[in-house]
Amino acid sequence: MAERMVAVPKGIRMPDIAFDLRYLRYAILVAQHGSFRSAAESLDLSQSTVSRRVRLLERVLGVPLFERDHKGAKLTAAGQRFVQDATVGANLLTDAIRDLQNIHRGGVGEIRIGLMLSLASGFLADLLKSFRSRYPDAEITVEELSSDCAKISLLCNRVDVAFLPNVGEIPGCQAIELWGEQVFCALPTNHRLAGRENLNWEDIADEAFLVPSGGAGAELDVYFLRKLSGGRADVRMSMQSVGRENLLNMVSDGYGVALLLASATQQRNDDVAFIPLAALREPVRFSAVWSQTNANPVAQRLLEMARRKAGKPRTAK
């Protein structure tokens, strides 16, 4: 097969990148083996073929890479520098191509997830565990976000998928409902109500409710309290700049009570009792939400796993 000649404008060295990458491999092997014959044998090609292709590369570059004699081939000073740099570049390119292929299959890459609930247990925790087991090279970044911040982050493609409660119509986004969670009240085990099977609003209306500060934590708690109390303005809320674990420690120490989703009740504390709220028997429905313009294939793999886990068809609302 005739070798393809690359036209180079007079006075300008403009290598054809596709051509160079194809022939660069031969030059690297000649440098490693120290001869055209040994390089050709490693490629199962004729020595003349390898020699001809390296000469074509040299013509495109406009610089001799090898000094040739009967003993073999030795890199010129320019050739030594070029092959060193080119070997690093070729390895990086090979890795980039492999990663790109894997990303297309959803195998590696990054997925940024927004959420408003605990990962201690439950549907989402199990989903991410399965996803990481199947795609161990995928980098997962998780951020707790309020629903408003999550929607903005989705539309700006700063977040790939958000798992949000009570999702309505979100312009520019798609959503699929996946699971529901019961709401519990966390009480100290020595509280007078700790032995109850369930609780009504009247039972806990006078309690101090510990609420984690920050958009993601406070939003759900405030929503639950408004729904429970019918919008009363005299509900006692104590905002605390702590995570759920320390919030439960404060509950056990008698600072107040807290409202939690079922997924957070697995953060066990022997001094805390979790009692379901009868007034909120209807589970909080959670959906996966993503931007219609998001083309991250890793996110699509996660969404597909979520659909299968929830027994949902491939339709979005």
Protein backbone atom coordinates (compact mmCIF):
# COMPACT_ATOMS: atom_id res chain seq x y z
CA MET A 1 0.00 0.00 0.00
CA ALA A 2 1.36 3.38 -0.95
CA GLU A 3 2.23 5.68 1.90
CA ARG A 4 0.15 8.86 2.19
CA MET A 5 2.15 11.98 1.52
CA VAL A 6 1.42 15.06 3.57
CA ALA A 7 1.67 18.42 1.89
CA VAL A 8 3.63 20.93 3.96
CA PRO A 9 3.48 24.60 2.94
CA LYS A 10 6.87 26.03 2.09
CA GLY A 11 8.60 27.45 5.13
CA ILE A 12 5.99 26.11 7.55
CA ARG A 13 6.15 22.80 9.43
CA MET A 14 2.55 21.82 10.04
CA PRO A 15 2.46 18.11 10.96
CA ASP A 16 -0.66 16.09 10.20
CA ILE A 17 -1.52 14.93 13.73
CA ALA A 18 -3.40 11.80 12.66
CA PHE A 19 -0.46 10.86 10.42
CA ASP A 20 2.12 11.53 13.14
CA LEU A 21 0.34 9.49 15.79
CA ARG A 22 0.11 6.52 13.48
CA TYR A 23 3.80 6.64 12.62
CA LEU A 24 5.06 7.84 15.97
CA ARG A 25 4.70 4.36 17.41
CA TYR A 26 7.31 3.05 14.97
CA ALA A 27 9.82 5.73 15.88
CA ILE A 28 9.36 5.04 19.61
CA LEU A 29 9.90 1.31 19.08
CA VAL A 30 13.04 1.90 16.98
CA ALA A 31 14.41 4.11 19.76
CA GLN A 32 13.59 1.45 22.38
CA HIS A 33 15.10 -1.43 20.38
CA GLY A 34 18.02 0.52 18.94
CA SER A 35 17.45 -0.89 15.46
CA PHE A 36 14.89 -0.94 12.70
CA ARG A 37 15.17 -4.72 12.36
CA SER A 38 14.27 -5.44 16.01
CA ALA A 39 11.45 -2.89 15.97
CA ALA A 40 10.06 -4.45 12.79
CA GLU A 41 10.17 -7.93 14.33
CA SER A 42 8.23 -6.71 17.39
CA LEU A 43 5.55 -5.37 15.03
CA ASP A 44 5.62 -8.39 12.73
CA LEU A 45 6.42 -6.08 9.82
CA SER A 46 9.26 -5.93 7.34
CA GLN A 47 12.28 -3.79 8.20
CA SER A 48 11.79 -1.77 5.02
CA THR A 49 8.21 -0.91 6.00
CA VAL A 50 9.23 0.42 9.42
CA SER A 51 12.20 2.30 7.96
CA ARG A 52 10.04 3.89 5.27
CA ARG A 53 7.39 5.02 7.73
CA VAL A 54 9.91 6.56 10.11
CA ARG A 55 11.48 8.44 7.20
CA LEU A 56 8.06 9.78 6.27
CA LEU A 57 7.63 10.98 9.85
CA GLU A 58 11.01 12.71 9.69
CA ARG A 59 10.02 14.40 6.44
CA VAL A 60 6.79 15.69 7.97
CA LEU A 61 8.64 16.99 11.03
CA GLY A 62 11.46 18.39 8.94
CA VAL A 63 14.03 17.01 11.41
CA PRO A 64 16.08 13.76 11.33
CA LEU A 65 15.30 11.62 14.34
CA PHE A 66 17.92 8.86 13.90
CA GLU A 67 21.52 8.41 12.89
CA ARG A 68 21.64 5.17 10.89
CA ASP A 69 24.60 2.85 10.40
CA HIS A 70 25.30 -0.86 10.10
CA LYS A 71 25.11 -1.25 13.89
CA GLY A 72 21.56 0.01 14.10
CA ALA A 73 19.84 3.34 14.77
CA LYS A 74 20.77 6.00 17.30
CA LEU A 75 18.64 8.98 18.19
CA THR A 76 19.91 12.40 17.22
CA ALA A 77 19.90 15.08 19.93
CA ALA A 78 16.67 16.49 18.51
CA GLY A 79 15.26 12.98 18.11
CA GLN A 80 16.02 12.09 21.71
CA ARG A 81 14.14 15.13 22.99
CA PHE A 82 11.26 14.52 20.61
CA VAL A 83 10.85 10.84 21.43
CA GLN A 84 10.97 11.50 25.17
CA ASP A 85 8.22 14.10 24.94
CA ALA A 86 6.27 12.16 22.35
CA THR A 87 6.30 8.98 24.45
CA VAL A 88 4.72 10.85 27.36
CA GLY A 89 2.19 12.42 25.00
CA ALA A 90 1.37 9.11 23.34
CA ASN A 91 0.80 7.45 26.71
CA LEU A 92 -1.44 10.31 27.82
CA LEU A 93 -3.36 10.11 24.57
CA THR A 94 -3.80 6.36 24.94
CA ASP A 95 -5.14 6.87 28.46
CA ALA A 96 -7.41 9.67 27.26
CA ILE A 97 -8.86 7.49 24.49
CA ARG A 98 -9.42 4.60 26.88
CA ASP A 99 -11.07 6.89 29.42
CA LEU A 100 -13.26 8.46 26.74
CA GLN A 101 -14.43 5.03 25.62
CA ASN A 102 -15.15 4.05 29.21
CA ILE A 103 -16.97 7.31 29.86
CA HIS A 104 -19.14 6.64 26.81
CA ARG A 105 -20.03 3.31 28.42
CA GLY A 106 -20.57 5.03 31.75
CA GLY A 107 -17.61 3.23 33.30
CA VAL A 108 -15.44 6.12 34.45
CA GLY A 109 -15.70 9.83 34.66
CA GLU A 110 -17.32 12.07 37.22
CA ILE A 111 -20.90 12.38 38.36
CA ARG A 112 -22.01 15.23 40.62
CA ILE A 113 -25.01 14.46 42.82
CA GLY A 114 -27.20 16.83 44.79
CA LEU A 115 -29.34 15.52 47.64
CA MET A 116 -31.45 16.48 50.65
CA LEU A 117 -31.36 13.31 52.73
CA SER A 118 -29.09 11.01 54.67
CA LEU A 119 -26.94 8.35 53.05
CA ALA A 120 -26.99 6.23 56.21
CA SER A 121 -29.43 3.76 54.62
CA GLY A 122 -32.36 3.52 52.26
CA PHE A 123 -32.96 3.58 48.52
CA LEU A 124 -30.31 6.15 47.58
CA ALA A 125 -27.60 4.67 49.81
CA ASP A 126 -28.21 1.22 48.31
CA LEU A 127 -28.31 2.65 44.78
CA LEU A 128 -24.94 4.40 45.14
CA LYS A 129 -23.42 1.30 46.72
CA SER A 130 -24.51 -0.80 43.73
CA PHE A 131 -23.35 1.87 41.29
CA ARG A 132 -19.88 2.07 42.87
CA SER A 133 -19.61 -1.72 42.82
CA ARG A 134 -20.40 -1.84 39.11
CA TYR A 135 -18.40 1.26 38.14
CA PRO A 136 -15.54 1.44 40.68
CA ASP A 137 -13.57 3.97 38.60
CA ALA A 138 -16.36 6.53 38.48
CA GLU A 139 -15.72 9.58 40.65
CA ILE A 140 -18.78 10.54 42.68
CA THR A 141 -19.14 14.00 44.17
CA VAL A 142 -22.03 14.56 46.60
CA GLU A 143 -23.37 17.92 47.75
CA GLU A 144 -26.24 18.68 50.11
CA LEU A 145 -28.45 21.31 48.49
CA SER A 146 -31.79 22.96 49.09
CA SER A 147 -34.33 22.30 46.36
CA ASP A 148 -33.97 25.82 44.92
CA CYS A 149 -30.16 25.61 44.83
CA ALA A 150 -30.38 22.13 43.33
CA LYS A 151 -32.62 23.33 40.50
CA ILE A 152 -30.24 26.17 39.66
CA SER A 153 -27.23 23.82 39.82
CA LEU A 154 -28.97 21.36 37.50
CA LEU A 155 -29.76 24.02 34.90
CA CYS A 156 -26.17 25.30 35.08
CA ASN A 157 -24.86 21.71 34.77
CA ARG A 158 -22.98 22.10 38.05
CA VAL A 159 -24.91 19.07 39.29
CA ASP A 160 -25.72 16.10 37.05
CA VAL A 161 -28.51 14.48 39.07
CA ALA A 162 -30.38 15.68 42.14
CA PHE A 163 -32.56 13.54 44.41
CA LEU A 164 -35.32 15.82 45.66
CA PRO A 165 -38.62 15.45 47.55
CA ASN A 166 -42.08 16.40 46.30
CA VAL A 167 -40.90 17.33 42.83
CA GLY A 168 -43.28 19.26 40.61
CA GLU A 169 -42.77 20.63 37.13
CA ILE A 170 -39.24 22.04 36.72
CA PRO A 171 -38.67 23.94 33.43
CA GLY A 172 -35.70 22.57 31.52
CA CYS A 173 -35.51 19.41 33.62
CA GLN A 174 -36.81 15.86 33.61
CA ALA A 175 -37.73 13.85 36.69
CA ILE A 176 -38.71 10.34 37.62
CA GLU A 177 -40.26 9.41 40.99
CA LEU A 178 -38.32 6.58 42.62
CA TRP A 179 -39.18 5.95 46.27
CA GLY A 180 -40.92 7.20 49.41
CA GLU A 181 -39.80 7.62 53.02
CA GLN A 182 -41.70 7.77 56.29
CA VAL A 183 -41.09 10.68 58.72
CA PHE A 184 -40.04 9.91 62.31
CA CYS A 185 -39.68 11.93 65.47
CA ALA A 186 -36.43 11.41 67.39
CA LEU A 187 -36.85 11.56 71.18
CA PRO A 188 -34.60 10.79 74.14
CA THR A 189 -35.27 7.25 75.34
CA ASN A 190 -36.23 8.64 78.75
CA HIS A 191 -38.87 10.94 77.22
CA ARG A 192 -42.45 10.36 78.32
CA LEU A 193 -43.45 9.58 74.72
CA ALA A 194 -40.54 7.27 73.86
CA GLY A 195 -42.64 4.12 74.27
CA ARG A 196 -45.44 5.16 71.89
CA GLU A 197 -46.06 3.28 68.62
CA ASN A 198 -46.75 6.53 66.79
CA LEU A 199 -47.21 10.21 67.51
CA ASN A 200 -49.71 12.90 66.59
CA TRP A 201 -48.99 16.61 66.34
CA GLU A 202 -50.82 17.26 69.60
CA ASP A 203 -48.36 14.97 71.38
CA ILE A 204 -45.28 16.95 70.39
CA ALA A 205 -46.64 20.45 69.64
CA ASP A 206 -44.99 21.97 72.73
CA GLU A 207 -41.58 20.42 72.15
CA ALA A 208 -38.47 22.32 71.02
CA PHE A 209 -37.60 21.07 67.52
CA LEU A 210 -33.89 20.89 66.73
CA VAL A 211 -33.32 21.89 63.11
CA PRO A 212 -29.96 21.65 61.30
CA SER A 213 -29.09 25.02 59.82
CA GLY A 214 -28.34 25.23 56.13
CA GLY A 215 -30.64 25.07 53.15
CA ALA A 216 -30.81 21.31 52.64
CA GLY A 217 -31.37 20.33 56.27
CA ALA A 218 -33.64 23.14 57.37
CA GLU A 219 -35.89 23.05 54.30
CA LEU A 220 -37.29 19.58 54.95
CA ASP A 221 -37.69 20.13 58.69
CA VAL A 222 -39.55 23.40 58.18
CA TYR A 223 -41.76 21.73 55.57
CA PHE A 224 -42.63 18.88 57.97
CA LEU A 225 -43.34 21.26 60.84
CA ARG A 226 -45.61 23.46 58.73
CA LYS A 227 -47.51 20.43 57.49
CA LEU A 228 -47.85 18.99 60.98
CA SER A 229 -48.84 22.21 62.70
CA GLY A 230 -51.10 23.55 59.99
CA GLY A 231 -48.86 26.58 59.59
CA ARG A 232 -48.81 27.69 63.23
CA ALA A 233 -46.41 30.54 63.91
CA ASP A 234 -45.61 29.58 67.50
CA VAL A 235 -43.71 26.37 66.75
CA ARG A 236 -40.47 26.30 68.76
CA MET A 237 -37.56 25.74 66.39
CA SER A 238 -33.96 25.69 67.58
CA MET A 239 -31.54 26.12 64.64
CA GLN A 240 -28.30 24.21 65.14
CA SER A 241 -25.19 24.41 62.94
CA VAL A 242 -24.46 20.70 63.17
CA GLY A 243 -24.93 17.59 61.08
CA ARG A 244 -27.48 14.87 61.73
CA GLU A 245 -25.13 12.82 63.91
CA ASN A 246 -24.55 15.64 66.39
CA LEU A 247 -28.20 16.60 66.17
CA LEU A 248 -29.07 13.13 67.49
CA ASN A 249 -26.48 13.55 70.23
CA MET A 250 -28.27 16.74 71.25
CA VAL A 251 -31.60 14.90 71.21
CA SER A 252 -30.20 12.21 73.50
CA ASP A 253 -28.93 14.92 75.86
CA GLY A 254 -32.38 16.48 76.12
CA TYR A 255 -31.93 19.66 74.06
CA GLY A 256 -35.12 18.90 72.15
CA VAL A 257 -36.63 16.55 69.58
CA ALA A 258 -35.95 16.24 65.86
CA LEU A 259 -37.78 15.13 62.72
CA LEU A 260 -36.00 12.61 60.51
CA LEU A 261 -36.64 10.59 57.39
CA ALA A 262 -36.45 6.82 57.65
CA SER A 263 -33.03 6.75 55.93
CA ALA A 264 -31.54 8.81 58.77
CA THR A 265 -32.82 6.58 61.56
CA GLN A 266 -30.02 4.08 60.89
CA GLN A 267 -27.61 6.50 62.53
CA ARG A 268 -28.19 4.56 65.69
CA ASN A 269 -27.94 6.13 69.09
CA ASP A 270 -28.84 3.94 72.06
CA ASP A 271 -30.24 6.97 73.88
CA VAL A 272 -32.62 7.99 71.06
CA ALA A 273 -36.01 6.50 70.14
CA PHE A 274 -37.49 6.91 66.65
CA ILE A 275 -41.29 7.08 66.60
CA PRO A 276 -43.29 7.34 63.34
CA LEU A 277 -45.59 10.32 62.94
CA ALA A 278 -49.20 9.25 62.42
CA ALA A 279 -50.06 12.63 60.93
CA LEU A 280 -47.47 12.07 58.16
CA ARG A 281 -48.33 8.51 57.20
CA GLU A 282 -48.07 9.41 53.52
CA PRO A 283 -44.41 8.89 52.61
CA VAL A 284 -42.33 11.76 51.30
CA ARG A 285 -41.85 10.97 47.61
CA PHE A 286 -38.33 11.37 46.21
CA SER A 287 -37.45 11.79 42.55
CA ALA A 288 -34.28 11.87 40.47
CA VAL A 289 -34.07 15.16 38.56
CA TRP A 290 -31.70 16.07 35.73
CA SER A 291 -31.33 18.77 33.11
CA GLN A 292 -32.60 18.04 29.62
CA THR A 293 -29.27 19.33 28.28
CA ASN A 294 -27.09 17.12 30.48
CA ALA A 295 -25.23 14.59 28.33
CA ASN A 296 -23.06 13.01 31.03
CA PRO A 297 -23.09 9.27 30.18
CA VAL A 298 -22.16 8.35 33.77
CA ALA A 299 -25.29 10.11 34.98
CA GLN A 300 -27.35 8.19 32.43
CA ARG A 301 -25.97 4.91 33.79
CA LEU A 302 -26.93 5.92 37.33
CA LEU A 303 -30.42 6.91 36.21
CA GLU A 304 -30.86 3.62 34.40
CA MET A 305 -29.85 1.70 37.53
CA ALA A 306 -32.27 3.83 39.59
CA ARG A 307 -35.13 3.05 37.17
CA ARG A 308 -34.47 -0.68 37.38
CA LYS A 309 -34.19 -0.61 41.17
CA ALA A 310 -37.49 1.26 41.46
CA GLY A 311 -39.17 -0.90 38.80
CA LYS A 312 -39.83 2.15 36.61
CA PRO A 313 -40.02 2.11 32.80
CA ARG A 314 -37.79 4.34 30.71
CA THR A 315 -40.15 7.28 30.74
CA ALA A 316 -39.76 10.66 32.39
CA LYS A 317 -42.36 13.13 33.42
